[in-house]
C-alpha atoms as a PDB file:
ATOM      1  CA  MET A   1      61.999  48.781 -19.604  1.00  0.00           C
ATOM      2  CA  GLN A   2      60.578  52.393 -19.449  1.00  0.00           C
ATOM      3  CA  ALA A   3      58.919  53.431 -22.982  1.00  0.00           C
ATOM      4  CA  ILE A   4      61.084  56.380 -24.131  1.00  0.00           C
ATOM      5  CA  PRO A   5      58.869  58.738 -26.959  1.00  0.00           C
ATOM      6  CA  VAL A   6      61.178  59.761 -29.675  1.00  0.00           C
ATOM      7  CA  LYS A   7      59.929  62.375 -32.220  1.00  0.00           C
ATOM      8  CA  VAL A   8      58.757  60.791 -35.891  1.00  0.00           C
ATOM      9  CA  LYS A   9      58.049  62.987 -38.710  1.00  0.00           C
ATOM     10  CA  ASN A  10      56.937  62.055 -42.816  1.00  0.00           C
ATOM     11  CA  VAL A  11      54.210  59.284 -40.380  1.00  0.00           C
ATOM     12  CA  THR A  12      51.911  57.901 -42.914  1.00  0.00           C
ATOM     13  CA  VAL A  13      48.706  55.782 -41.075  1.00  0.00           C
ATOM     14  CA  TYR A  14      47.550  52.900 -43.019  1.00  0.00           C
ATOM     15  CA  ALA A  15      43.909  51.153 -42.517  1.00  0.00           C
ATOM     16  CA  TYR A  16      44.934  47.670 -40.930  1.00  0.00           C
ATOM     17  CA  PHE A  17      43.801  44.880 -43.195  1.00  0.00           C
ATOM     18  CA  ASN A  18      44.269  40.928 -43.232  1.00  0.00           C
ATOM     19  CA  PRO A  19      47.961  40.769 -44.136  1.00  0.00           C
ATOM     20  CA  LEU A  20      47.387  38.690 -46.375  1.00  0.00           C
ATOM     21  CA  GLU A  21      44.997  40.856 -48.853  1.00  0.00           C
ATOM     22  CA  PRO A  22      46.772  43.380 -51.383  1.00  0.00           C
ATOM     23  CA  LEU A  23      44.909  46.442 -49.840  1.00  0.00           C
ATOM     24  CA  THR A  24      45.974  49.542 -49.089  1.00  0.00           C
ATOM     25  CA  GLU A  25      44.349  52.653 -47.084  1.00  0.00           C
ATOM     26  CA  VAL A  26      46.220  55.979 -46.271  1.00  0.00           C
ATOM     27  CA  ILE A  27      44.424  57.458 -43.498  1.00  0.00           C
ATOM     28  CA  LEU A  28      46.529  60.460 -43.269  1.00  0.00           C
ATOM     29  CA  LYS A  29      50.168  61.520 -44.358  1.00  0.00           C
ATOM     30  CA  GLY A  30      52.473  64.242 -43.951  1.00  0.00           C
ATOM     31  CA  ALA A  31      51.916  63.950 -39.871  1.00  0.00           C
ATOM     32  CA  SER A  32      54.753  64.519 -37.047  1.00  0.00           C
ATOM     33  CA  GLY A  33      54.609  63.464 -33.245  1.00  0.00           C
ATOM     34  CA  THR A  34      56.250  60.896 -31.182  1.00  0.00           C
ATOM     35  CA  TYR A  35      56.808  57.081 -30.881  1.00  0.00           C
ATOM     36  CA  ALA A  36      57.269  54.794 -27.943  1.00  0.00           C
ATOM     37  CA  VAL A  37      58.461  51.094 -27.544  1.00  0.00           C
ATOM     38  CA  GLY A  38      58.594  50.288 -23.790  1.00  0.00           C
ATOM     39  CA  THR A  39      58.734  46.462 -22.204  1.00  0.00           C
ATOM     40  CA  LEU A  40      57.602  44.831 -18.949  1.00  0.00           C
ATOM     41  CA  MET A  41      58.432  41.412 -18.426  1.00  0.00           C
ATOM     42  CA  MET A  42      56.643  39.265 -21.345  1.00  0.00           C
ATOM     43  CA  SER A  43      54.508  42.526 -22.730  1.00  0.00           C
ATOM     44  CA  SER A  44      56.094  45.387 -25.352  1.00  0.00           C
ATOM     45  CA  PHE A  45      54.217  48.437 -25.323  1.00  0.00           C
ATOM     46  CA  TYR A  46      53.544  50.622 -28.666  1.00  0.00           C
ATOM     47  CA  ASN A  47      52.286  54.396 -28.884  1.00  0.00           C
ATOM     48  CA  LEU A  48      52.055  56.665 -31.519  1.00  0.00           C
ATOM     49  CA  ASN A  49      51.011  60.173 -30.446  1.00  0.00           C
ATOM     50  CA  ILE A  50      50.106  62.635 -33.770  1.00  0.00           C
ATOM     51  CA  ASP A  51      51.155  66.248 -32.893  1.00  0.00           C
ATOM     52  CA  ASN A  52      50.336  67.699 -36.423  1.00  0.00           C
ATOM     53  CA  ASP A  53      47.998  65.024 -38.464  1.00  0.00           C
ATOM     54  CA  GLY A  54      49.322  66.329 -41.804  1.00  0.00           C
ATOM     55  CA  LYS A  55      46.875  65.594 -44.388  1.00  0.00           C
ATOM     56  CA  LYS A  56      43.960  63.201 -43.743  1.00  0.00           C
ATOM     57  CA  GLU A  57      42.630  61.209 -46.711  1.00  0.00           C
ATOM     58  CA  ASN A  58      39.956  58.871 -45.011  1.00  0.00           C
ATOM     59  CA  PRO A  59      38.505  59.004 -41.868  1.00  0.00           C
ATOM     60  CA  LEU A  60      39.765  57.595 -38.781  1.00  0.00           C
ATOM     61  CA  ASN A  61      37.680  55.731 -36.178  1.00  0.00           C
ATOM     62  CA  VAL A  62      38.269  54.975 -32.415  1.00  0.00           C
ATOM     63  CA  HIS A  63      39.026  51.443 -31.717  1.00  0.00           C
ATOM     64  CA  GLY A  64      39.839  50.903 -35.391  1.00  0.00           C
ATOM     65  CA  LYS A  65      43.169  48.917 -36.102  1.00  0.00           C
ATOM     66  CA  TYR A  66      45.914  51.138 -37.871  1.00  0.00           C
ATOM     67  CA  TYR A  67      49.557  50.903 -38.639  1.00  0.00           C
ATOM     68  CA  ALA A  68      51.955  53.287 -39.881  1.00  0.00           C
ATOM     69  CA  THR A  69      55.567  54.264 -41.503  1.00  0.00           C
ATOM     70  CA  GLY A  70      57.778  57.062 -40.539  1.00  0.00           C
ATOM     71  CA  GLU A  71      61.339  58.307 -39.904  1.00  0.00           C
ATOM     72  CA  THR A  72      62.963  59.619 -36.724  1.00  0.00           C
ATOM     73  CA  GLU A  73      64.499  63.328 -36.463  1.00  0.00           C
ATOM     74  CA  SER A  74      67.687  61.471 -37.268  1.00  0.00           C
ATOM     75  CA  GLY A  75      66.665  59.405 -40.366  1.00  0.00           C
ATOM     76  CA  HIS A  76      66.202  56.082 -39.422  1.00  0.00           C
ATOM     77  CA  LYS A  77      62.738  54.922 -40.856  1.00  0.00           C
ATOM     78  CA  PHE A  78      60.541  52.791 -39.211  1.00  0.00           C
ATOM     79  CA  THR A  79      57.223  50.603 -39.318  1.00  0.00           C
ATOM     80  CA  THR A  80      54.797  50.122 -36.244  1.00  0.00           C
ATOM     81  CA  PRO A  81      52.795  46.844 -35.847  1.00  0.00           C
ATOM     82  CA  TRP A  82      48.836  47.123 -35.870  1.00  0.00           C
ATOM     83  CA  MET A  83      47.500  49.366 -32.903  1.00  0.00           C
ATOM     84  CA  TYR A  84      44.282  50.861 -32.083  1.00  0.00           C
ATOM     85  CA  CYS A  85      42.785  53.996 -32.437  1.00  0.00           C
ATOM     86  CA  LEU A  86      42.249  55.838 -28.945  1.00  0.00           C
ATOM     87  CA  ASP A  87      41.513  59.248 -30.323  1.00  0.00           C
ATOM     88  CA  ASN A  88      40.160  60.082 -33.696  1.00  0.00           C
ATOM     89  CA  SER A  89      40.845  64.009 -33.016  1.00  0.00           C
ATOM     90  CA  ASN A  90      43.072  66.776 -34.471  1.00  0.00           C
ATOM     91  CA  LYS A  91      46.074  65.040 -32.561  1.00  0.00           C
ATOM     92  CA  PRO A  92      45.164  60.975 -33.163  1.00  0.00           C
ATOM     93  CA  GLU A  93      46.604  58.836 -30.362  1.00  0.00           C
ATOM     94  CA  PHE A  94      47.272  55.011 -31.064  1.00  0.00           C
ATOM     95  CA  GLY A  95      48.295  52.408 -28.752  1.00  0.00           C
ATOM     96  CA  ARG A  96      48.645  48.262 -28.497  1.00  0.00           C
ATOM     97  CA  THR A  97      50.078  46.234 -25.605  1.00  0.00           C
ATOM     98  CA  ILE A  98      51.538  42.428 -27.229  1.00  0.00           C
ATOM     99  CA  ASN A  99      51.329  39.864 -24.522  1.00  0.00           C
ATOM    100  CA  HIS A 100      53.973  37.371 -25.960  1.00  0.00           C
ATOM    101  CA  LYS A 101      53.464  34.776 -22.973  1.00  0.00           C
ATOM    102  CA  PRO A 102      50.840  32.046 -24.626  1.00  0.00           C
ATOM    103  CA  SER A 103      47.508  32.583 -23.847  1.00  0.00           C
ATOM    104  CA  VAL A 104      44.450  29.889 -23.214  1.00  0.00           C
ATOM    105  CA  THR A 105      41.177  31.481 -24.684  1.00  0.00           C
ATOM    106  CA  ASP A 106      38.222  30.788 -22.382  1.00  0.00           C
ATOM    107  CA  THR A 107      35.026  29.878 -25.165  1.00  0.00           C
ATOM    108  CA  THR A 108      32.379  29.307 -22.349  1.00  0.00           C
ATOM    109  CA  ASP A 109      32.687  31.922 -19.436  1.00  0.00           C
ATOM    110  CA  ILE A 110      35.301  34.334 -17.353  1.00  0.00           C
ATOM    111  CA  GLY A 111      34.941  32.271 -14.545  1.00  0.00           C
ATOM    112  CA  VAL A 112      33.839  35.273 -12.533  1.00  0.00           C
ATOM    113  CA  THR A 113      30.128  35.366 -10.722  1.00  0.00           C
ATOM    114  CA  ALA A 114      31.303  38.810  -8.822  1.00  0.00           C
ATOM    115  CA  THR A 115      29.058  41.054  -9.953  1.00  0.00           C
ATOM    116  CA  ASN A 116      28.669  44.220  -6.902  1.00  0.00           C
ATOM    117  CA  LYS A 117      30.856  47.100  -6.175  1.00  0.00           C
ATOM    118  CA  ALA A 118      31.787  45.468  -3.288  1.00  0.00           C
ATOM    119  CA  ASP A 119      33.672  42.269  -5.457  1.00  0.00           C
ATOM    120  CA  TYR A 120      36.125  45.119  -6.771  1.00  0.00           C
ATOM    121  CA  ILE A 121      39.156  47.405  -5.706  1.00  0.00           C
ATOM    122  CA  THR A 122      39.661  51.147  -7.689  1.00  0.00           C
ATOM    123  CA  LEU A 123      42.825  51.205  -9.131  1.00  0.00           C
ATOM    124  CA  GLY A 124      41.860  54.940 -10.403  1.00  0.00           C
ATOM    125  CA  PRO A 125      39.305  56.941 -12.180  1.00  0.00           C
ATOM    126  CA  LEU A 126      39.097  57.240 -15.785  1.00  0.00           C
ATOM    127  CA  THR A 127      37.212  59.881 -18.200  1.00  0.00           C
ATOM    128  CA  ASP A 128      36.498  60.401 -21.772  1.00  0.00           C
ATOM    129  CA  ILE A 129      35.689  56.153 -22.214  1.00  0.00           C
ATOM    130  CA  THR A 130      35.073  54.527 -24.890  1.00  0.00           C
ATOM    131  CA  VAL A 131      33.557  50.626 -25.156  1.00  0.00           C
ATOM    132  CA  SER A 132      33.341  48.418 -28.465  1.00  0.00           C
ATOM    133  CA  GLN A 133      32.766  44.828 -29.130  1.00  0.00           C
ATOM    134  CA  LEU A 134      35.239  44.371 -32.150  1.00  0.00           C
ATOM    135  CA  PHE A 135      33.313  42.575 -35.253  1.00  0.00           C
ATOM    136  CA  PRO A 136      34.642  38.187 -34.797  1.00  0.00           C
ATOM    137  CA  ALA A 137      37.293  37.727 -37.446  1.00  0.00           C
ATOM    138  CA  PRO A 138      37.161  37.820 -40.583  1.00  0.00           C
ATOM    139  CA  ALA A 139      35.003  40.923 -40.621  1.00  0.00           C
ATOM    140  CA  ILE A 140      36.724  43.946 -39.681  1.00  0.00           C
ATOM    141  CA  GLY A 141      35.381  47.137 -37.539  1.00  0.00           C
ATOM    142  CA  GLN A 142      33.411  47.205 -34.082  1.00  0.00           C
ATOM    143  CA  ARG A 143      30.509  48.663 -33.003  1.00  0.00           C
ATOM    144  CA  ILE A 144      30.314  51.141 -30.077  1.00  0.00           C
ATOM    145  CA  LEU A 145      28.804  49.922 -26.656  1.00  0.00           C
ATOM    146  CA  ILE A 146      28.928  53.003 -24.799  1.00  0.00           C
ATOM    147  CA  SER A 147      30.975  56.757 -25.539  1.00  0.00           C
ATOM    148  CA  ASN A 148      31.948  59.633 -23.362  1.00  0.00           C
ATOM    149  CA  GLY A 149      31.649  57.342 -20.505  1.00  0.00           C
ATOM    150  CA  SER A 150      33.185  58.116 -16.757  1.00  0.00           C
ATOM    151  CA  GLY A 151      33.891  55.224 -14.237  1.00  0.00           C
ATOM    152  CA  ASN A 152      37.331  53.388 -12.917  1.00  0.00           C
ATOM    153  CA  ILE A 153      39.514  51.068 -13.214  1.00  0.00           C
ATOM    154  CA  ILE A 154      39.343  47.657 -11.337  1.00  0.00           C
ATOM    155  CA  ALA A 155      40.615  44.460  -9.965  1.00  0.00           C
ATOM    156  CA  THR A 156      38.849  41.637  -8.292  1.00  0.00           C
ATOM    157  CA  ARG A 157      39.134  41.109  -4.358  1.00  0.00           C
ATOM    158  CA  ILE A 158      39.897  37.646  -4.728  1.00  0.00           C
ATOM    159  CA  GLY A 159      42.093  35.144  -7.454  1.00  0.00           C
ATOM    160  CA  THR A 160      45.548  34.835  -8.086  1.00  0.00           C
ATOM    161  CA  PRO A 161      46.190  36.731 -10.065  1.00  0.00           C
ATOM    162  CA  HIS A 162      43.698  39.319  -9.859  1.00  0.00           C
ATOM    163  CA  GLU A 163      41.678  39.846 -12.851  1.00  0.00           C
ATOM    164  CA  MET A 164      41.641  43.685 -13.907  1.00  0.00           C
ATOM    165  CA  GLY A 165      39.027  45.290 -16.087  1.00  0.00           C
ATOM    166  CA  VAL A 166      36.579  48.828 -15.531  1.00  0.00           C
ATOM    167  CA  GLN A 167      33.680  50.078 -14.192  1.00  0.00           C
ATOM    168  CA  VAL A 168      31.812  52.447 -16.613  1.00  0.00           C
ATOM    169  CA  ASP A 169      29.138  54.160 -14.417  1.00  0.00           C
ATOM    170  CA  LYS A 170      28.194  57.062 -16.446  1.00  0.00           C
ATOM    171  CA  GLY A 171      28.158  57.358 -20.439  1.00  0.00           C
ATOM    172  CA  GLU A 172      25.785  57.594 -23.141  1.00  0.00           C
ATOM    173  CA  ARG A 173      24.861  53.961 -24.401  1.00  0.00           C
ATOM    174  CA  PHE A 174      24.189  52.233 -27.586  1.00  0.00           C
ATOM    175  CA  GLY A 175      22.210  49.024 -27.698  1.00  0.00           C
ATOM    176  CA  GLN A 176      21.809  46.153 -25.458  1.00  0.00           C
ATOM    177  CA  MET A 177      24.744  44.545 -22.842  1.00  0.00           C
ATOM    178  CA  THR A 178      24.535  41.681 -21.608  1.00  0.00           C
ATOM    179  CA  ALA A 179      27.191  39.541 -19.409  1.00  0.00           C
ATOM    180  CA  GLY A 180      28.848  37.241 -21.281  1.00  0.00           C
ATOM    181  CA  MET A 181      29.355  39.054 -24.380  1.00  0.00           C
ATOM    182  CA  LYS A 182      33.485  39.214 -25.535  1.00  0.00           C
ATOM    183  CA  ASN A 183      35.928  40.669 -27.834  1.00  0.00           C
ATOM    184  CA  ILE A 184      35.422  44.372 -26.117  1.00  0.00           C
ATOM    185  CA  ILE A 185      37.812  46.961 -25.995  1.00  0.00           C
ATOM    186  CA  ILE A 186      37.794  49.737 -24.017  1.00  0.00           C
ATOM    187  CA  SER A 187      40.008  53.316 -23.596  1.00  0.00           C
ATOM    188  CA  GLY A 188      39.862  56.215 -21.987  1.00  0.00           C
ATOM    189  CA  LYS A 189      42.174  59.072 -19.946  1.00  0.00           C
ATOM    190  CA  THR A 190      43.491  58.435 -16.542  1.00  0.00           C
ATOM    191  CA  LYS A 191      43.319  60.756 -13.692  1.00  0.00           C
ATOM    192  CA  ASP A 192      46.773  62.775 -15.164  1.00  0.00           C
ATOM    193  CA  GLY A 193      45.317  62.921 -18.708  1.00  0.00           C
ATOM    194  CA  SER A 194      47.278  59.744 -19.729  1.00  0.00           C
ATOM    195  CA  ARG A 195      45.402  57.587 -22.010  1.00  0.00           C
ATOM    196  CA  PHE A 196      44.459  53.985 -20.972  1.00  0.00           C
ATOM    197  CA  SER A 197      43.009  51.199 -23.367  1.00  0.00           C
ATOM    198  CA  GLN A 198      42.191  47.902 -22.514  1.00  0.00           C
ATOM    199  CA  ILE A 199      41.820  44.885 -24.891  1.00  0.00           C
ATOM    200  CA  ASN A 200      39.588  41.088 -24.851  1.00  0.00           C
ATOM    201  CA  CYS A 201      37.564  42.164 -21.975  1.00  0.00           C
ATOM    202  CA  THR A 202      34.092  40.425 -21.435  1.00  0.00           C
ATOM    203  CA  VAL A 203      30.964  41.769 -20.171  1.00  0.00           C
ATOM    204  CA  VAL A 204      30.309  40.625 -16.351  1.00  0.00           C
ATOM    205  CA  SER A 205      27.381  43.040 -15.998  1.00  0.00           C
ATOM    206  CA  GLY A 206      25.974  45.382 -18.717  1.00  0.00           C
ATOM    207  CA  GLY A 207      23.587  46.896 -16.107  1.00  0.00           C
ATOM    208  CA  ASP A 208      24.268  50.310 -13.953  1.00  0.00           C
ATOM    209  CA  PRO A 209      27.190  50.054 -13.636  1.00  0.00           C
ATOM    210  CA  ALA A 210      28.531  47.897 -16.497  1.00  0.00           C
ATOM    211  CA  ILE A 211      31.161  46.113 -15.308  1.00  0.00           C
ATOM    212  CA  PHE A 212      33.915  44.543 -17.947  1.00  0.00           C
ATOM    213  CA  LEU A 213      36.953  42.284 -17.164  1.00  0.00           C
ATOM    214  CA  ARG A 214      39.865  39.999 -18.618  1.00  0.00           C
ATOM    215  CA  GLU A 215      42.209  37.883 -17.326  1.00  0.00           C
ATOM    216  CA  PHE A 216      45.515  39.506 -15.815  1.00  0.00           C
ATOM    217  CA  PRO A 217      48.181  39.166 -17.383  1.00  0.00           C
ATOM    218  CA  ASN A 218      46.427  38.420 -20.794  1.00  0.00           C
END
């Protein structure tokens, strides 16, 4: 089902903590915008776009985890699942894809040895790329690896199913990236200006270009 954005108001955005911990931190309140929920096969897609960010109470960090409460124009109240912040400007954007099919976690490697451009199919350009590595649980937060990047959405030429990922050609780097690093989250903008995000990625190559892949579907 294609996600249809619904206008929402009185939106309050909270930082997401471990549900077992009685912690609450308001990030912004009194906001308005649109909220969309869609499904495709075994996946659900959630997107919250804030047009008027209301009153900011605390900083908003790209790739941080947040959830929101609010109501539609007809007065129906809602609470979102936790989502990643994809844009922390004066018009913040949040998104998350939840895959309902159980997945197998590979703790050794991603089974991919391809490391050159000829091994990948280019699916479309990306700009405004931010790459972060999430801290392992129970720690909360992430460290930025690349900001203001540009590159492409890619897929492997071989494999069933093909593995999806991102190739970053340019950008400002922070620290060293090595093959095998996991818990990578990537966001950016597609050619038409839509927000793109991908989680659970692994570094295949930390060189130039940097290549990140995740198993599909995952």
